[in-house]
Amino acid sequence: MLKARRTKQKTKKHLAGIAKRAKKLKKQDVKTVAADAAEKGRP
């Protein structure tokens, strides 16, 4: 029983880490896209 609980805790922590990284990457992509759009708009 303890092993199952521990596994569940580790899985939850792992998934939280993945979500955090995905959010960070998404934020970076938005910045990159915005910067590219700004550069294209310049003469």
Protein backbone atom coordinates (compact mmCIF):
# COMPACT_ATOMS: atom_id res chain seq x y z
CA MET A 1 0.00 0.00 0.00
CA LEU A 2 2.79 2.39 0.85
CA LYS A 3 4.53 1.63 -2.45
CA ALA A 4 1.40 2.48 -4.44
CA ARG A 5 0.96 5.74 -2.55
CA ARG A 6 4.59 6.69 -3.14
CA THR A 7 4.33 5.89 -6.85
CA LYS A 8 1.22 8.03 -7.13
CA GLN A 9 2.99 10.94 -5.40
CA LYS A 10 6.00 10.69 -7.71
CA THR A 11 3.77 10.51 -10.79
CA LYS A 12 1.83 13.59 -9.68
CA LYS A 13 5.07 15.51 -9.11
CA HIS A 14 6.44 14.39 -12.49
CA LEU A 15 3.30 15.50 -14.34
CA ALA A 16 3.37 18.86 -12.56
CA GLY A 17 6.94 19.36 -13.74
CA ILE A 18 6.00 18.53 -17.32
CA ALA A 19 3.10 20.98 -17.22
CA LYS A 20 5.37 23.69 -15.85
CA ARG A 21 7.93 23.12 -18.61
CA ALA A 22 5.24 23.14 -21.29
CA LYS A 23 3.90 26.44 -19.97
CA LYS A 24 7.40 27.94 -19.99
CA LEU A 25 8.04 26.78 -23.58
CA LYS A 26 4.70 28.17 -24.71
CA LYS A 27 5.59 31.53 -23.19
CA GLN A 28 8.96 31.50 -25.01
CA ASP A 29 7.27 30.65 -28.31
CA VAL A 30 4.86 33.56 -27.92
CA LYS A 31 7.77 35.94 -27.32
CA THR A 32 9.62 34.58 -30.37
CA VAL A 33 6.57 34.89 -32.61
CA ALA A 34 5.96 38.45 -31.42
CA ALA A 35 9.60 39.38 -32.06
CA ASP A 36 9.50 37.86 -35.55
CA ALA A 37 6.31 39.73 -36.38
CA ALA A 38 7.86 42.99 -35.20
CA GLU A 39 10.93 42.43 -37.38
CA LYS A 40 8.82 41.68 -40.46
CA GLY A 41 6.90 44.90 -39.96
CA ARG A 42 10.07 47.00 -40.16
CA PRO A 43 11.04 48.55 -43.51
